[in-house]
Amino acid sequence: MKNRKSLGQHWLKDRGILTKIAAYANIEGSTVLEIGPGLGFLTSVLLKSAAKVVAVEFDTELARKLPASFPGKNLEVINADFLQYDLGQLPQGYKVVANVPYYITSKIVQKLLTAKNKPSEIVLLVQKEVAERMAARPGELSILGVSAQVYADVELAEVVPAKMFTPPPKVDSQVVIMRPHGSCKVASHKEKDFFRLVKVGFSSPRKKVVSNLVNGLHLERAEVEACFNRLGLSINLRAQDLSIPDWLAILAAVDPRKASDEK
């Protein structure tokens, strides 16, 4: 069946790689959510171990044909836009294993990690560069990395070369594993402020984070520099250099609600 480029469809058929991807999530006896099952190559592997596979497929024709490929299997195919799908329908402790379209990876990750009914484990095959950004450490952090790691432990696994896909994408892919924390590292009533602070801090990544906070939060430079000194942070740091504990400490010391809505 011909892929639809507009939906970012690239088929991965290598059973050895697919088996490894499924194994990272330890899905034995679990309900597994698969996002964008496509032709069902990964679905086939998941059904061997999972108690049930819930596959959410946007492509109407693929969603219609997929169940016939697995008669008698505990597979539920839902023809829907995953970003509109209600994760509350799934049992607690469900797991996510998927080869997701590159162009909506960030939105998928955000939905999974901020849901009230979070998965217990998430294993995604994504663009290699995106996987690296999600798992980055201080010195190379981005908004995506901070956003993922404040909700989950993130680690990298298998690299899958572009040539393994049909048709081959322009870049390599990599498996990223996320294990959500029991609760977000930021108190729920502070989440909006936290992400406003981080967004302002990264507003001009090449500039020192102090300058970004001064400009974005309309604070006195002396006030922000004094805050950094109290926290033992160099005023020469850039946003990418700060760890999540650093961001949390800054959040406790400044008021992101002063930030301009234009930032």
C-alpha atoms as a PDB file:
ATOM      1  CA  MET A   1       0.000   0.000   0.000  1.00  0.00           C
ATOM      2  CA  LYS A   2       1.349   3.450  -0.905  1.00  0.00           C
ATOM      3  CA  ASN A   3       2.324   5.691   1.978  1.00  0.00           C
ATOM      4  CA  ARG A   4       0.894   9.170   2.472  1.00  0.00           C
ATOM      5  CA  LYS A   5       3.748  11.658   2.817  1.00  0.00           C
ATOM      6  CA  SER A   6       1.416  14.243   4.315  1.00  0.00           C
ATOM      7  CA  LEU A   7       0.939  11.926   7.311  1.00  0.00           C
ATOM      8  CA  GLY A   8       4.636  11.178   7.706  1.00  0.00           C
ATOM      9  CA  GLN A   9       4.178   7.502   6.877  1.00  0.00           C
ATOM     10  CA  HIS A  10       7.407   5.490   6.708  1.00  0.00           C
ATOM     11  CA  TRP A  11       7.065   1.740   7.175  1.00  0.00           C
ATOM     12  CA  LEU A  12       9.577  -0.173   9.326  1.00  0.00           C
ATOM     13  CA  LYS A  13       9.337  -3.879   8.509  1.00  0.00           C
ATOM     14  CA  ASP A  14      12.464  -5.382  10.127  1.00  0.00           C
ATOM     15  CA  ARG A  15      11.057  -7.812  12.699  1.00  0.00           C
ATOM     16  CA  GLY A  16      14.277  -7.950  14.686  1.00  0.00           C
ATOM     17  CA  ILE A  17      14.267  -4.199  15.296  1.00  0.00           C
ATOM     18  CA  LEU A  18      10.528  -4.156  15.972  1.00  0.00           C
ATOM     19  CA  THR A  19      10.934  -6.926  18.560  1.00  0.00           C
ATOM     20  CA  LYS A  20      13.646  -4.924  20.320  1.00  0.00           C
ATOM     21  CA  ILE A  21      11.430  -1.832  20.387  1.00  0.00           C
ATOM     22  CA  ALA A  22       8.581  -3.788  21.988  1.00  0.00           C
ATOM     23  CA  ALA A  23      10.947  -5.412  24.492  1.00  0.00           C
ATOM     24  CA  TYR A  24      12.059  -2.054  25.890  1.00  0.00           C
ATOM     25  CA  ALA A  25       8.553  -1.540  27.298  1.00  0.00           C
ATOM     26  CA  ASN A  26       8.247  -4.977  28.952  1.00  0.00           C
ATOM     27  CA  ILE A  27       4.680  -5.280  27.683  1.00  0.00           C
ATOM     28  CA  GLU A  28       3.920  -8.831  28.834  1.00  0.00           C
ATOM     29  CA  GLY A  29       0.276  -8.915  29.945  1.00  0.00           C
ATOM     30  CA  SER A  30      -0.180  -5.143  29.557  1.00  0.00           C
ATOM     31  CA  THR A  31      -2.589  -2.975  27.628  1.00  0.00           C
ATOM     32  CA  VAL A  32      -0.514  -1.231  24.975  1.00  0.00           C
ATOM     33  CA  LEU A  33      -1.431   1.933  23.118  1.00  0.00           C
ATOM     34  CA  GLU A  34       0.037   2.139  19.619  1.00  0.00           C
ATOM     35  CA  ILE A  35      -0.102   5.486  17.841  1.00  0.00           C
ATOM     36  CA  GLY A  36      -0.217   5.313  14.043  1.00  0.00           C
ATOM     37  CA  PRO A  37      -0.017   1.526  13.490  1.00  0.00           C
ATOM     38  CA  GLY A  38       0.037   1.936   9.709  1.00  0.00           C
ATOM     39  CA  LEU A  39       0.269  -1.455   8.021  1.00  0.00           C
ATOM     40  CA  GLY A  40       0.585  -3.264  11.359  1.00  0.00           C
ATOM     41  CA  PHE A  41       4.223  -4.417  11.358  1.00  0.00           C
ATOM     42  CA  LEU A  42       4.799  -3.265  14.959  1.00  0.00           C
ATOM     43  CA  THR A  43       1.232  -4.219  15.876  1.00  0.00           C
ATOM     44  CA  SER A  44       2.000  -7.825  14.973  1.00  0.00           C
ATOM     45  CA  VAL A  45       4.923  -7.900  17.404  1.00  0.00           C
ATOM     46  CA  LEU A  46       2.980  -6.195  20.189  1.00  0.00           C
ATOM     47  CA  LEU A  47       0.103  -8.670  19.947  1.00  0.00           C
ATOM     48  CA  LYS A  48       2.448 -11.560  20.759  1.00  0.00           C
ATOM     49  CA  SER A  49       2.972 -10.319  24.329  1.00  0.00           C
ATOM     50  CA  ALA A  50       0.432  -7.649  25.205  1.00  0.00           C
ATOM     51  CA  ALA A  51      -2.901  -8.499  26.816  1.00  0.00           C
ATOM     52  CA  LYS A  52      -4.503  -5.984  24.468  1.00  0.00           C
ATOM     53  CA  VAL A  53      -3.377  -3.495  21.832  1.00  0.00           C
ATOM     54  CA  VAL A  54      -5.330  -0.282  21.295  1.00  0.00           C
ATOM     55  CA  ALA A  55      -4.219   1.192  17.974  1.00  0.00           C
ATOM     56  CA  VAL A  56      -5.187   4.778  17.127  1.00  0.00           C
ATOM     57  CA  GLU A  57      -4.905   5.383  13.383  1.00  0.00           C
ATOM     58  CA  PHE A  58      -5.715   8.663  11.625  1.00  0.00           C
ATOM     59  CA  ASP A  59      -5.739   7.193   8.108  1.00  0.00           C
ATOM     60  CA  THR A  60      -9.286   5.916   7.550  1.00  0.00           C
ATOM     61  CA  GLU A  61      -8.341   3.272   4.962  1.00  0.00           C
ATOM     62  CA  LEU A  62      -5.552   1.841   7.125  1.00  0.00           C
ATOM     63  CA  ALA A  63      -7.817   1.789  10.181  1.00  0.00           C
ATOM     64  CA  ARG A  64     -10.484  -0.081   8.219  1.00  0.00           C
ATOM     65  CA  LYS A  65      -8.099  -2.747   6.898  1.00  0.00           C
ATOM     66  CA  LEU A  66      -5.949  -3.380   9.982  1.00  0.00           C
ATOM     67  CA  PRO A  67      -8.348  -5.579  12.041  1.00  0.00           C
ATOM     68  CA  ALA A  68      -8.662  -8.071   9.182  1.00  0.00           C
ATOM     69  CA  SER A  69      -4.907  -8.689   9.394  1.00  0.00           C
ATOM     70  CA  PHE A  70      -5.216 -10.003  12.946  1.00  0.00           C
ATOM     71  CA  PRO A  71      -8.388 -12.104  13.267  1.00  0.00           C
ATOM     72  CA  GLY A  72      -9.040 -13.415  16.751  1.00  0.00           C
ATOM     73  CA  LYS A  73      -6.461 -11.134  18.330  1.00  0.00           C
ATOM     74  CA  ASN A  74      -7.235  -8.719  21.161  1.00  0.00           C
ATOM     75  CA  LEU A  75      -6.828  -5.649  18.986  1.00  0.00           C
ATOM     76  CA  GLU A  76      -8.958  -2.515  19.076  1.00  0.00           C
ATOM     77  CA  VAL A  77      -8.449  -0.128  16.172  1.00  0.00           C
ATOM     78  CA  ILE A  78      -9.710   3.416  16.586  1.00  0.00           C
ATOM     79  CA  ASN A  79      -9.915   5.696  13.546  1.00  0.00           C
ATOM     80  CA  ALA A  80      -9.131   9.067  15.113  1.00  0.00           C
ATOM     81  CA  ASP A  81      -6.661  11.898  15.421  1.00  0.00           C
ATOM     82  CA  PHE A  82      -4.532  10.843  18.384  1.00  0.00           C
ATOM     83  CA  LEU A  83      -4.258  14.441  19.573  1.00  0.00           C
ATOM     84  CA  GLN A  84      -8.051  14.365  20.081  1.00  0.00           C
ATOM     85  CA  TYR A  85      -8.149  10.873  21.626  1.00  0.00           C
ATOM     86  CA  ASP A  86      -9.236  10.572  25.272  1.00  0.00           C
ATOM     87  CA  LEU A  87      -6.500   8.727  27.183  1.00  0.00           C
ATOM     88  CA  GLY A  88      -8.900   8.387  30.106  1.00  0.00           C
ATOM     89  CA  GLN A  89     -10.501   5.449  28.254  1.00  0.00           C
ATOM     90  CA  LEU A  90      -7.410   3.333  28.867  1.00  0.00           C
ATOM     91  CA  PRO A  91      -6.743   1.326  32.046  1.00  0.00           C
ATOM     92  CA  GLN A  92      -4.257   2.710  34.540  1.00  0.00           C
ATOM     93  CA  GLY A  93      -0.708   1.509  33.980  1.00  0.00           C
ATOM     94  CA  TYR A  94      -1.087   1.155  30.212  1.00  0.00           C
ATOM     95  CA  LYS A  95       2.059   1.411  28.084  1.00  0.00           C
ATOM     96  CA  VAL A  96       2.768   3.210  24.833  1.00  0.00           C
ATOM     97  CA  VAL A  97       4.878   1.743  22.030  1.00  0.00           C
ATOM     98  CA  ALA A  98       4.865   3.479  18.662  1.00  0.00           C
ATOM     99  CA  ASN A  99       6.706   4.597  15.557  1.00  0.00           C
ATOM    100  CA  VAL A 100       5.341   8.137  15.428  1.00  0.00           C
ATOM    101  CA  PRO A 101       5.253  10.686  12.588  1.00  0.00           C
ATOM    102  CA  TYR A 102       8.124  13.147  12.920  1.00  0.00           C
ATOM    103  CA  TYR A 103       6.012  16.228  12.354  1.00  0.00           C
ATOM    104  CA  ILE A 104       3.840  15.774  15.467  1.00  0.00           C
ATOM    105  CA  THR A 105       6.311  14.086  17.824  1.00  0.00           C
ATOM    106  CA  SER A 106       6.459  17.002  20.279  1.00  0.00           C
ATOM    107  CA  LYS A 107       2.666  17.268  20.470  1.00  0.00           C
ATOM    108  CA  ILE A 108       2.332  13.521  21.050  1.00  0.00           C
ATOM    109  CA  VAL A 109       4.915  13.590  23.838  1.00  0.00           C
ATOM    110  CA  GLN A 110       3.261  16.601  25.456  1.00  0.00           C
ATOM    111  CA  LYS A 111      -0.151  14.932  25.386  1.00  0.00           C
ATOM    112  CA  LEU A 112       1.154  11.704  26.931  1.00  0.00           C
ATOM    113  CA  LEU A 113       3.201  13.344  29.677  1.00  0.00           C
ATOM    114  CA  THR A 114       0.589  15.891  30.752  1.00  0.00           C
ATOM    115  CA  ALA A 115      -2.427  13.566  30.662  1.00  0.00           C
ATOM    116  CA  LYS A 116      -4.316  12.844  33.876  1.00  0.00           C
ATOM    117  CA  ASN A 117      -4.112   9.151  32.988  1.00  0.00           C
ATOM    118  CA  LYS A 118      -0.419   8.929  32.109  1.00  0.00           C
ATOM    119  CA  PRO A 119       1.114   5.738  30.718  1.00  0.00           C
ATOM    120  CA  SER A 120       3.498   3.849  32.995  1.00  0.00           C
ATOM    121  CA  GLU A 121       6.057   3.631  30.203  1.00  0.00           C
ATOM    122  CA  ILE A 122       6.504   5.204  26.769  1.00  0.00           C
ATOM    123  CA  VAL A 123       8.719   3.791  24.017  1.00  0.00           C
ATOM    124  CA  LEU A 124       8.762   5.847  20.830  1.00  0.00           C
ATOM    125  CA  LEU A 125      10.728   5.631  17.616  1.00  0.00           C
ATOM    126  CA  VAL A 126      11.355   9.239  16.608  1.00  0.00           C
ATOM    127  CA  GLN A 127      13.762  11.379  14.602  1.00  0.00           C
ATOM    128  CA  LYS A 128      17.252  10.839  16.055  1.00  0.00           C
ATOM    129  CA  GLU A 129      17.858  14.542  16.593  1.00  0.00           C
ATOM    130  CA  VAL A 130      14.588  14.869  18.510  1.00  0.00           C
ATOM    131  CA  ALA A 131      15.394  11.839  20.672  1.00  0.00           C
ATOM    132  CA  GLU A 132      18.767  13.369  21.540  1.00  0.00           C
ATOM    133  CA  ARG A 133      17.140  16.679  22.469  1.00  0.00           C
ATOM    134  CA  MET A 134      14.632  14.941  24.722  1.00  0.00           C
ATOM    135  CA  ALA A 135      17.362  13.091  26.616  1.00  0.00           C
ATOM    136  CA  ALA A 136      19.940  15.917  26.635  1.00  0.00           C
ATOM    137  CA  ARG A 137      21.822  16.907  29.758  1.00  0.00           C
ATOM    138  CA  PRO A 138      22.693  20.405  31.021  1.00  0.00           C
ATOM    139  CA  GLY A 139      24.919  22.084  28.480  1.00  0.00           C
ATOM    140  CA  GLU A 140      22.737  20.909  25.597  1.00  0.00           C
ATOM    141  CA  LEU A 141      19.216  21.198  27.018  1.00  0.00           C
ATOM    142  CA  SER A 142      16.345  22.739  25.050  1.00  0.00           C
ATOM    143  CA  ILE A 143      12.741  23.522  25.885  1.00  0.00           C
ATOM    144  CA  LEU A 144      11.811  20.047  24.607  1.00  0.00           C
ATOM    145  CA  GLY A 145      14.348  18.384  26.903  1.00  0.00           C
ATOM    146  CA  VAL A 146      13.223  20.353  29.949  1.00  0.00           C
ATOM    147  CA  SER A 147       9.561  19.696  29.123  1.00  0.00           C
ATOM    148  CA  ALA A 148      10.114  15.935  28.833  1.00  0.00           C
ATOM    149  CA  GLN A 149      12.420  15.488  31.806  1.00  0.00           C
ATOM    150  CA  VAL A 150      10.309  17.454  34.250  1.00  0.00           C
ATOM    151  CA  TYR A 151       7.661  14.737  33.775  1.00  0.00           C
ATOM    152  CA  ALA A 152       9.720  11.605  33.110  1.00  0.00           C
ATOM    153  CA  ASP A 153      13.065   9.860  33.226  1.00  0.00           C
ATOM    154  CA  VAL A 154      14.312   9.827  29.639  1.00  0.00           C
ATOM    155  CA  GLU A 155      16.888   7.532  28.055  1.00  0.00           C
ATOM    156  CA  LEU A 156      18.033   6.663  24.555  1.00  0.00           C
ATOM    157  CA  ALA A 157      18.128   3.216  22.978  1.00  0.00           C
ATOM    158  CA  GLU A 158      18.325   1.693  19.480  1.00  0.00           C
ATOM    159  CA  VAL A 159      19.375   3.843  16.516  1.00  0.00           C
ATOM    160  CA  VAL A 160      17.497   2.852  13.352  1.00  0.00           C
ATOM    161  CA  PRO A 161      19.117   3.984  10.075  1.00  0.00           C
ATOM    162  CA  ALA A 162      16.895   5.693   7.515  1.00  0.00           C
ATOM    163  CA  LYS A 163      17.587   2.902   5.000  1.00  0.00           C
ATOM    164  CA  MET A 164      15.611   0.474   7.166  1.00  0.00           C
ATOM    165  CA  PHE A 165      12.345   2.266   6.360  1.00  0.00           C
ATOM    166  CA  THR A 166      10.112   2.139   3.287  1.00  0.00           C
ATOM    167  CA  PRO A 167      10.299   4.752   1.889  1.00  0.00           C
ATOM    168  CA  PRO A 168      13.469   5.966   3.653  1.00  0.00           C
ATOM    169  CA  PRO A 169      13.082   9.277   5.510  1.00  0.00           C
ATOM    170  CA  LYS A 170      15.820  11.874   5.136  1.00  0.00           C
ATOM    171  CA  VAL A 171      17.243  11.253   8.626  1.00  0.00           C
ATOM    172  CA  ASP A 172      17.936   8.377  11.001  1.00  0.00           C
ATOM    173  CA  SER A 173      15.568   7.467  13.827  1.00  0.00           C
ATOM    174  CA  GLN A 174      16.173   6.470  17.437  1.00  0.00           C
ATOM    175  CA  VAL A 175      14.205   4.813  20.204  1.00  0.00           C
ATOM    176  CA  VAL A 176      13.543   7.041  23.197  1.00  0.00           C
ATOM    177  CA  ILE A 177      12.249   5.551  26.456  1.00  0.00           C
ATOM    178  CA  MET A 178      10.286   7.637  28.946  1.00  0.00           C
ATOM    179  CA  ARG A 179       9.196   6.496  32.391  1.00  0.00           C
ATOM    180  CA  PRO A 180       6.847   9.124  33.830  1.00  0.00           C
ATOM    181  CA  HIS A 181       7.429  10.219  37.412  1.00  0.00           C
ATOM    182  CA  GLY A 182       4.710   9.479  39.916  1.00  0.00           C
ATOM    183  CA  SER A 183       4.032  13.205  39.862  1.00  0.00           C
ATOM    184  CA  CYS A 184       5.458  16.149  37.959  1.00  0.00           C
ATOM    185  CA  LYS A 185       8.513  17.753  39.561  1.00  0.00           C
ATOM    186  CA  VAL A 186       6.570  21.020  39.479  1.00  0.00           C
ATOM    187  CA  ALA A 187       3.518  21.480  41.703  1.00  0.00           C
ATOM    188  CA  SER A 188       0.368  21.546  39.578  1.00  0.00           C
ATOM    189  CA  HIS A 189      -0.465  25.140  40.524  1.00  0.00           C
ATOM    190  CA  LYS A 190       3.040  26.194  39.444  1.00  0.00           C
ATOM    191  CA  GLU A 191       3.225  24.386  36.072  1.00  0.00           C
ATOM    192  CA  LYS A 192       2.041  27.364  34.017  1.00  0.00           C
ATOM    193  CA  ASP A 193       4.557  29.649  35.746  1.00  0.00           C
ATOM    194  CA  PHE A 194       7.341  27.111  35.291  1.00  0.00           C
ATOM    195  CA  PHE A 195       6.855  26.802  31.554  1.00  0.00           C
ATOM    196  CA  ARG A 196       6.487  30.574  31.166  1.00  0.00           C
ATOM    197  CA  LEU A 197       9.839  30.952  32.933  1.00  0.00           C
ATOM    198  CA  VAL A 198      11.523  28.324  30.742  1.00  0.00           C
ATOM    199  CA  LYS A 199      10.060  29.811  27.551  1.00  0.00           C
ATOM    200  CA  VAL A 200      11.383  33.252  28.483  1.00  0.00           C
ATOM    201  CA  GLY A 201      14.743  31.778  29.458  1.00  0.00           C
ATOM    202  CA  PHE A 202      15.124  30.148  26.041  1.00  0.00           C
ATOM    203  CA  SER A 203      13.697  33.094  24.083  1.00  0.00           C
ATOM    204  CA  SER A 204      17.156  33.990  22.720  1.00  0.00           C
ATOM    205  CA  PRO A 205      19.215  30.813  23.200  1.00  0.00           C
ATOM    206  CA  ARG A 206      22.547  32.443  22.293  1.00  0.00           C
ATOM    207  CA  LYS A 207      22.131  35.146  24.923  1.00  0.00           C
ATOM    208  CA  LYS A 208      22.862  34.714  28.612  1.00  0.00           C
ATOM    209  CA  VAL A 209      19.818  33.491  30.467  1.00  0.00           C
ATOM    210  CA  VAL A 210      20.037  36.437  32.874  1.00  0.00           C
ATOM    211  CA  SER A 211      19.489  38.838  29.968  1.00  0.00           C
ATOM    212  CA  ASN A 212      16.527  36.835  28.712  1.00  0.00           C
ATOM    213  CA  LEU A 213      14.904  36.840  32.150  1.00  0.00           C
ATOM    214  CA  VAL A 214      15.549  40.561  32.624  1.00  0.00           C
ATOM    215  CA  ASN A 215      13.962  41.393  29.266  1.00  0.00           C
ATOM    216  CA  GLY A 216      11.159  38.833  29.381  1.00  0.00           C
ATOM    217  CA  LEU A 217      10.104  39.309  32.991  1.00  0.00           C
ATOM    218  CA  HIS A 218      10.766  43.071  33.148  1.00  0.00           C
ATOM    219  CA  LEU A 219      13.036  42.702  36.167  1.00  0.00           C
ATOM    220  CA  GLU A 220      16.030  44.721  37.263  1.00  0.00           C
ATOM    221  CA  ARG A 221      19.297  43.152  36.150  1.00  0.00           C
ATOM    222  CA  ALA A 222      20.775  43.593  39.622  1.00  0.00           C
ATOM    223  CA  GLU A 223      17.818  41.684  41.074  1.00  0.00           C
ATOM    224  CA  VAL A 224      18.241  38.718  38.711  1.00  0.00           C
ATOM    225  CA  GLU A 225      22.016  38.629  39.119  1.00  0.00           C
ATOM    226  CA  ALA A 226      21.627  38.686  42.896  1.00  0.00           C
ATOM    227  CA  CYS A 227      19.183  35.768  42.597  1.00  0.00           C
ATOM    228  CA  PHE A 228      21.703  33.765  40.569  1.00  0.00           C
ATOM    229  CA  ASN A 229      24.466  34.540  43.050  1.00  0.00           C
ATOM    230  CA  ARG A 230      22.299  33.340  45.958  1.00  0.00           C
ATOM    231  CA  LEU A 231      21.618  30.104  44.077  1.00  0.00           C
ATOM    232  CA  GLY A 232      25.299  29.598  43.257  1.00  0.00           C
ATOM    233  CA  LEU A 233      24.693  30.001  39.527  1.00  0.00           C
ATOM    234  CA  SER A 234      27.022  31.885  37.207  1.00  0.00           C
ATOM    235  CA  ILE A 235      25.459  34.947  35.613  1.00  0.00           C
ATOM    236  CA  ASN A 236      27.199  33.930  32.371  1.00  0.00           C
ATOM    237  CA  LEU A 237      25.158  30.764  31.890  1.00  0.00           C
ATOM    238  CA  ARG A 238      22.886  30.238  28.907  1.00  0.00           C
ATOM    239  CA  ALA A 239      19.508  28.543  29.191  1.00  0.00           C
ATOM    240  CA  GLN A 240      20.873  25.275  27.779  1.00  0.00           C
ATOM    241  CA  ASP A 241      23.309  25.059  30.711  1.00  0.00           C
ATOM    242  CA  LEU A 242      20.660  24.992  33.445  1.00  0.00           C
ATOM    243  CA  SER A 243      19.417  21.753  34.975  1.00  0.00           C
ATOM    244  CA  ILE A 244      15.811  21.180  35.967  1.00  0.00           C
ATOM    245  CA  PRO A 245      16.681  21.711  39.673  1.00  0.00           C
ATOM    246  CA  ASP A 246      18.220  25.046  38.609  1.00  0.00           C
ATOM    247  CA  TRP A 247      15.008  26.065  36.843  1.00  0.00           C
ATOM    248  CA  LEU A 248      12.954  25.038  39.878  1.00  0.00           C
ATOM    249  CA  ALA A 249      15.192  27.102  42.162  1.00  0.00           C
ATOM    250  CA  ILE A 250      14.867  30.138  39.878  1.00  0.00           C
ATOM    251  CA  LEU A 251      11.092  29.643  39.784  1.00  0.00           C
ATOM    252  CA  ALA A 252      11.000  29.879  43.572  1.00  0.00           C
ATOM    253  CA  ALA A 253      12.969  33.130  43.465  1.00  0.00           C
ATOM    254  CA  VAL A 254      11.278  35.114  40.663  1.00  0.00           C
ATOM    255  CA  ASP A 255       7.726  35.742  39.444  1.00  0.00           C
ATOM    256  CA  PRO A 256       7.207  34.506  35.831  1.00  0.00           C
ATOM    257  CA  ARG A 257       3.681  35.931  35.861  1.00  0.00           C
ATOM    258  CA  LYS A 258       5.251  39.293  35.167  1.00  0.00           C
ATOM    259  CA  ALA A 259       6.349  38.001  31.758  1.00  0.00           C
ATOM    260  CA  SER A 260       4.975  39.780  28.724  1.00  0.00           C
ATOM    261  CA  ASP A 261       2.378  37.773  26.821  1.00  0.00           C
ATOM    262  CA  GLU A 262       4.351  38.589  23.693  1.00  0.00           C
ATOM    263  CA  LYS A 263       7.346  36.521  24.827  1.00  0.00           C
END
